[in-house]
Amino acid sequence: MYRAIIRRRVVSNFARLSAGDYKPVVAQLAPDVHHVFGGDTPLGGERRSRAAVERWFERLFTLFPQISFDVKRVFSSGPPWHILVAAEWVAHVTPMAGEP
C-alpha cells in the first residue's frame, strides 16, 4: 500500500519537474537535505539546504530550458515514518545552446 502511494508521489513530482514546476518539489525536501550531482560541470557539487537545492534547479532550468523526466523504477523501504526512497530515471534535455 505505502509503496504504491510513494510511487505515485514520486512520478507526480517528476511530472512537475518536467513542467518546470520545481518549487513544490523542493518544498517537500527535508530541511537538512543532502543533494549531490556528480561531475565537474556547472551543475556538479553538493547542496545541504532547500534554498541551495532551489538555486540548483534554477540553474538547471536556465541551462536546459526543455527537460523531461521518464521514471523507470521507484524503490522504497523502511517503516512508514522513516522511508528511504530512490528513483531510477532518464532525463531528455535540450540545452540552451546546442543539440539535445
N, C-alpha and C. Protein backbone atom coordinates (compact mmCIF):
# COMPACT_ATOMS: atom_id res chain seq x y z
N MET A 1 0.82 -1.19 0.00
CA MET A 1 0.00 0.00 0.00
C MET A 1 0.87 1.26 0.00
N TYR A 2 1.81 1.34 0.99
CA TYR A 2 2.67 2.52 1.05
C TYR A 2 3.52 2.66 -0.21
N ARG A 3 4.00 1.55 -0.71
CA ARG A 3 4.85 1.62 -1.91
C ARG A 3 4.09 2.20 -3.10
N ALA A 4 2.84 1.87 -3.25
CA ALA A 4 2.03 2.41 -4.35
C ALA A 4 1.83 3.91 -4.18
N ILE A 5 1.59 4.35 -2.96
CA ILE A 5 1.42 5.78 -2.69
C ILE A 5 2.72 6.52 -2.97
N ILE A 6 3.82 5.96 -2.52
CA ILE A 6 5.13 6.58 -2.74
C ILE A 6 5.43 6.67 -4.21
N ARG A 7 5.18 5.60 -4.95
CA ARG A 7 5.46 5.61 -6.39
C ARG A 7 4.66 6.71 -7.08
N ARG A 8 3.37 6.82 -6.75
CA ARG A 8 2.53 7.87 -7.36
C ARG A 8 3.09 9.26 -7.05
N ARG A 9 3.53 9.45 -5.82
CA ARG A 9 4.06 10.75 -5.41
C ARG A 9 5.36 11.07 -6.16
N VAL A 10 6.23 10.09 -6.27
CA VAL A 10 7.49 10.30 -6.97
C VAL A 10 7.24 10.60 -8.45
N VAL A 11 6.39 9.82 -9.09
CA VAL A 11 6.08 10.03 -10.51
C VAL A 11 5.44 11.42 -10.70
N SER A 12 4.55 11.79 -9.79
CA SER A 12 3.91 13.10 -9.85
C SER A 12 4.94 14.22 -9.72
N ASN A 13 5.90 14.05 -8.80
CA ASN A 13 6.92 15.08 -8.64
C ASN A 13 7.81 15.20 -9.87
N PHE A 14 8.15 14.09 -10.49
CA PHE A 14 8.94 14.17 -11.72
C PHE A 14 8.13 14.81 -12.85
N ALA A 15 6.82 14.60 -12.87
CA ALA A 15 5.97 15.27 -13.87
C ALA A 15 6.00 16.79 -13.63
N ARG A 16 5.97 17.20 -12.37
CA ARG A 16 6.08 18.63 -12.06
C ARG A 16 7.41 19.18 -12.55
N LEU A 17 8.48 18.43 -12.29
CA LEU A 17 9.79 18.88 -12.76
C LEU A 17 9.82 19.00 -14.28
N SER A 18 9.21 18.04 -14.96
CA SER A 18 9.16 18.09 -16.43
C SER A 18 8.42 19.33 -16.92
N ALA A 19 7.50 19.84 -16.11
CA ALA A 19 6.76 21.06 -16.46
C ALA A 19 7.48 22.32 -15.98
N GLY A 20 8.66 22.14 -15.36
CA GLY A 20 9.41 23.28 -14.87
C GLY A 20 8.95 23.79 -13.52
N ASP A 21 8.06 23.07 -12.87
CA ASP A 21 7.46 23.49 -11.60
C ASP A 21 8.21 22.82 -10.44
N TYR A 22 9.41 23.32 -10.15
CA TYR A 22 10.27 22.67 -9.16
C TYR A 22 10.05 23.14 -7.72
N LYS A 23 9.47 24.31 -7.52
CA LYS A 23 9.33 24.84 -6.16
C LYS A 23 8.49 23.95 -5.24
N PRO A 24 7.35 23.40 -5.69
CA PRO A 24 6.61 22.49 -4.80
C PRO A 24 7.39 21.22 -4.48
N VAL A 25 8.24 20.78 -5.38
CA VAL A 25 9.06 19.59 -5.14
C VAL A 25 10.12 19.91 -4.09
N VAL A 26 10.78 21.05 -4.24
CA VAL A 26 11.80 21.46 -3.27
C VAL A 26 11.18 21.64 -1.89
N ALA A 27 9.96 22.16 -1.82
CA ALA A 27 9.29 22.38 -0.54
C ALA A 27 9.06 21.08 0.23
N GLN A 28 9.03 19.95 -0.46
CA GLN A 28 8.82 18.66 0.18
C GLN A 28 10.11 18.06 0.75
N LEU A 29 11.25 18.65 0.42
CA LEU A 29 12.52 18.10 0.88
C LEU A 29 12.72 18.35 2.36
N ALA A 30 13.49 17.48 2.99
CA ALA A 30 13.84 17.66 4.40
C ALA A 30 14.67 18.93 4.56
N PRO A 31 14.52 19.61 5.68
CA PRO A 31 15.33 20.82 5.90
C PRO A 31 16.83 20.55 5.81
N ASP A 32 17.26 19.35 6.19
CA ASP A 32 18.68 19.01 6.13
C ASP A 32 19.00 18.14 4.91
N VAL A 33 18.33 18.42 3.81
CA VAL A 33 18.54 17.66 2.57
C VAL A 33 20.02 17.63 2.21
N HIS A 34 20.44 16.51 1.62
CA HIS A 34 21.80 16.40 1.10
C HIS A 34 21.66 16.00 -0.36
N HIS A 35 21.83 16.94 -1.26
CA HIS A 35 21.66 16.74 -2.70
C HIS A 35 23.04 16.73 -3.35
N VAL A 36 23.32 15.69 -4.11
CA VAL A 36 24.61 15.56 -4.79
C VAL A 36 24.35 15.35 -6.28
N PHE A 37 25.07 16.11 -7.09
CA PHE A 37 25.05 15.90 -8.54
C PHE A 37 26.50 15.78 -8.95
N GLY A 38 26.86 14.61 -9.45
CA GLY A 38 28.25 14.32 -9.75
C GLY A 38 28.79 15.04 -10.96
N GLY A 39 30.09 15.10 -11.03
CA GLY A 39 30.76 15.63 -12.20
C GLY A 39 31.33 17.02 -11.99
N ASP A 40 32.31 17.32 -12.79
CA ASP A 40 32.95 18.63 -12.78
C ASP A 40 32.29 19.48 -13.85
N THR A 41 31.06 19.88 -13.56
CA THR A 41 30.25 20.64 -14.51
C THR A 41 29.60 21.81 -13.77
N PRO A 42 28.92 22.70 -14.48
CA PRO A 42 28.22 23.79 -13.80
C PRO A 42 27.13 23.30 -12.83
N LEU A 43 26.69 22.06 -12.98
CA LEU A 43 25.66 21.52 -12.09
C LEU A 43 26.24 20.61 -11.00
N GLY A 44 27.52 20.26 -11.11
CA GLY A 44 28.13 19.34 -10.17
C GLY A 44 28.30 19.94 -8.78
N GLY A 45 28.33 19.06 -7.79
CA GLY A 45 28.59 19.50 -6.43
C GLY A 45 27.53 19.02 -5.45
N GLU A 46 27.64 19.53 -4.22
CA GLU A 46 26.74 19.14 -3.15
C GLU A 46 26.00 20.36 -2.62
N ARG A 47 24.77 20.13 -2.21
CA ARG A 47 23.95 21.15 -1.59
C ARG A 47 23.37 20.57 -0.31
N ARG A 48 23.24 21.42 0.72
CA ARG A 48 22.78 20.93 2.02
C ARG A 48 21.67 21.78 2.63
N SER A 49 20.87 22.37 1.77
CA SER A 49 19.71 23.12 2.25
C SER A 49 18.68 23.21 1.13
N ARG A 50 17.43 23.44 1.51
CA ARG A 50 16.38 23.61 0.49
C ARG A 50 16.71 24.80 -0.42
N ALA A 51 17.17 25.88 0.18
CA ALA A 51 17.49 27.08 -0.61
C ALA A 51 18.56 26.78 -1.65
N ALA A 52 19.57 26.01 -1.27
CA ALA A 52 20.64 25.66 -2.20
C ALA A 52 20.12 24.76 -3.32
N VAL A 53 19.23 23.82 -2.98
CA VAL A 53 18.65 22.94 -4.00
C VAL A 53 17.76 23.76 -4.94
N GLU A 54 17.02 24.71 -4.39
CA GLU A 54 16.19 25.57 -5.25
C GLU A 54 17.06 26.35 -6.22
N ARG A 55 18.18 26.89 -5.78
CA ARG A 55 19.10 27.61 -6.69
C ARG A 55 19.66 26.66 -7.75
N TRP A 56 19.91 25.40 -7.35
CA TRP A 56 20.41 24.41 -8.31
C TRP A 56 19.37 24.18 -9.41
N PHE A 57 18.10 24.04 -9.02
CA PHE A 57 17.05 23.85 -10.03
C PHE A 57 16.91 25.09 -10.91
N GLU A 58 17.04 26.28 -10.36
CA GLU A 58 17.01 27.50 -11.18
C GLU A 58 18.10 27.43 -12.25
N ARG A 59 19.28 27.02 -11.83
CA ARG A 59 20.40 26.90 -12.78
C ARG A 59 20.13 25.81 -13.81
N LEU A 60 19.61 24.66 -13.34
CA LEU A 60 19.29 23.56 -14.25
C LEU A 60 18.36 24.02 -15.36
N PHE A 61 17.27 24.72 -15.00
CA PHE A 61 16.30 25.12 -16.00
C PHE A 61 16.78 26.31 -16.83
N THR A 62 17.78 27.03 -16.36
CA THR A 62 18.41 28.06 -17.18
C THR A 62 19.28 27.42 -18.25
N LEU A 63 20.06 26.44 -17.84
CA LEU A 63 20.95 25.75 -18.79
C LEU A 63 20.20 24.82 -19.73
N PHE A 64 19.12 24.23 -19.24
CA PHE A 64 18.34 23.26 -20.02
C PHE A 64 16.86 23.64 -19.96
N PRO A 65 16.44 24.60 -20.78
CA PRO A 65 15.06 25.09 -20.70
C PRO A 65 14.01 24.03 -21.07
N GLN A 66 14.40 23.04 -21.83
CA GLN A 66 13.48 21.94 -22.15
C GLN A 66 14.05 20.66 -21.55
N ILE A 67 13.34 20.15 -20.57
CA ILE A 67 13.78 18.92 -19.90
C ILE A 67 12.54 18.12 -19.51
N SER A 68 12.63 16.83 -19.73
CA SER A 68 11.54 15.95 -19.29
C SER A 68 12.16 14.71 -18.67
N PHE A 69 11.46 14.19 -17.67
CA PHE A 69 11.95 13.04 -16.92
C PHE A 69 11.06 11.84 -17.17
N ASP A 70 11.67 10.71 -17.38
CA ASP A 70 10.97 9.44 -17.58
C ASP A 70 11.36 8.52 -16.42
N VAL A 71 10.44 8.31 -15.48
CA VAL A 71 10.72 7.48 -14.31
C VAL A 71 10.63 6.02 -14.71
N LYS A 72 11.71 5.30 -14.49
CA LYS A 72 11.77 3.88 -14.84
C LYS A 72 11.35 2.99 -13.67
N ARG A 73 11.95 3.24 -12.49
CA ARG A 73 11.63 2.43 -11.31
C ARG A 73 11.71 3.29 -10.06
N VAL A 74 10.90 2.94 -9.07
CA VAL A 74 10.94 3.59 -7.77
C VAL A 74 11.14 2.50 -6.72
N PHE A 75 12.12 2.72 -5.85
CA PHE A 75 12.43 1.77 -4.78
C PHE A 75 12.12 2.44 -3.45
N SER A 76 11.56 1.68 -2.51
CA SER A 76 11.33 2.22 -1.18
C SER A 76 11.46 1.10 -0.16
N SER A 77 11.90 1.49 1.03
CA SER A 77 12.00 0.52 2.12
C SER A 77 11.94 1.26 3.44
N GLY A 78 11.62 0.53 4.48
CA GLY A 78 11.57 1.10 5.81
C GLY A 78 10.16 1.27 6.30
N PRO A 79 10.02 1.61 7.58
CA PRO A 79 8.69 1.81 8.16
C PRO A 79 8.07 3.11 7.64
N PRO A 80 6.76 3.23 7.71
CA PRO A 80 6.08 4.41 7.14
C PRO A 80 6.58 5.75 7.67
N TRP A 81 7.11 5.79 8.88
CA TRP A 81 7.55 7.06 9.45
C TRP A 81 9.00 7.39 9.11
N HIS A 82 9.70 6.48 8.41
CA HIS A 82 11.10 6.74 8.05
C HIS A 82 11.45 5.94 6.79
N ILE A 83 10.85 6.33 5.68
CA ILE A 83 11.00 5.59 4.43
C ILE A 83 12.17 6.14 3.62
N LEU A 84 12.98 5.24 3.11
CA LEU A 84 14.06 5.59 2.19
C LEU A 84 13.53 5.34 0.77
N VAL A 85 13.67 6.34 -0.08
CA VAL A 85 13.14 6.24 -1.45
C VAL A 85 14.25 6.57 -2.45
N ALA A 86 14.31 5.79 -3.51
CA ALA A 86 15.24 6.05 -4.61
C ALA A 86 14.47 5.86 -5.92
N ALA A 87 14.84 6.63 -6.91
CA ALA A 87 14.17 6.52 -8.21
C ALA A 87 15.23 6.38 -9.31
N GLU A 88 14.92 5.52 -10.26
CA GLU A 88 15.73 5.42 -11.48
C GLU A 88 14.98 6.17 -12.55
N TRP A 89 15.65 7.12 -13.20
CA TRP A 89 15.00 7.94 -14.20
C TRP A 89 15.96 8.30 -15.33
N VAL A 90 15.36 8.70 -16.44
CA VAL A 90 16.11 9.17 -17.60
C VAL A 90 15.63 10.58 -17.90
N ALA A 91 16.56 11.49 -18.12
CA ALA A 91 16.20 12.86 -18.48
C ALA A 91 16.44 13.07 -19.97
N HIS A 92 15.50 13.71 -20.61
CA HIS A 92 15.62 14.09 -22.02
C HIS A 92 15.74 15.62 -22.00
N VAL A 93 16.88 16.13 -22.44
CA VAL A 93 17.15 17.56 -22.30
C VAL A 93 17.53 18.20 -23.62
N THR A 94 17.17 19.46 -23.72
CA THR A 94 17.64 20.31 -24.80
C THR A 94 18.37 21.48 -24.14
N PRO A 95 19.66 21.59 -24.36
CA PRO A 95 20.41 22.67 -23.71
C PRO A 95 20.05 24.03 -24.31
N MET A 96 20.37 25.06 -23.58
CA MET A 96 20.12 26.43 -24.05
C MET A 96 20.80 26.66 -25.39
N ALA A 97 21.96 26.06 -25.56
CA ALA A 97 22.67 26.14 -26.83
C ALA A 97 23.15 24.75 -27.20
N GLY A 98 22.91 24.33 -28.40
CA GLY A 98 23.41 23.04 -28.84
C GLY A 98 22.31 22.01 -29.06
N GLU A 99 22.74 20.82 -29.31
CA GLU A 99 21.85 19.72 -29.64
C GLU A 99 21.31 19.04 -28.37
N PRO A 100 20.14 18.41 -28.49
CA PRO A 100 19.60 17.66 -27.35
C PRO A 100 20.52 16.50 -26.96
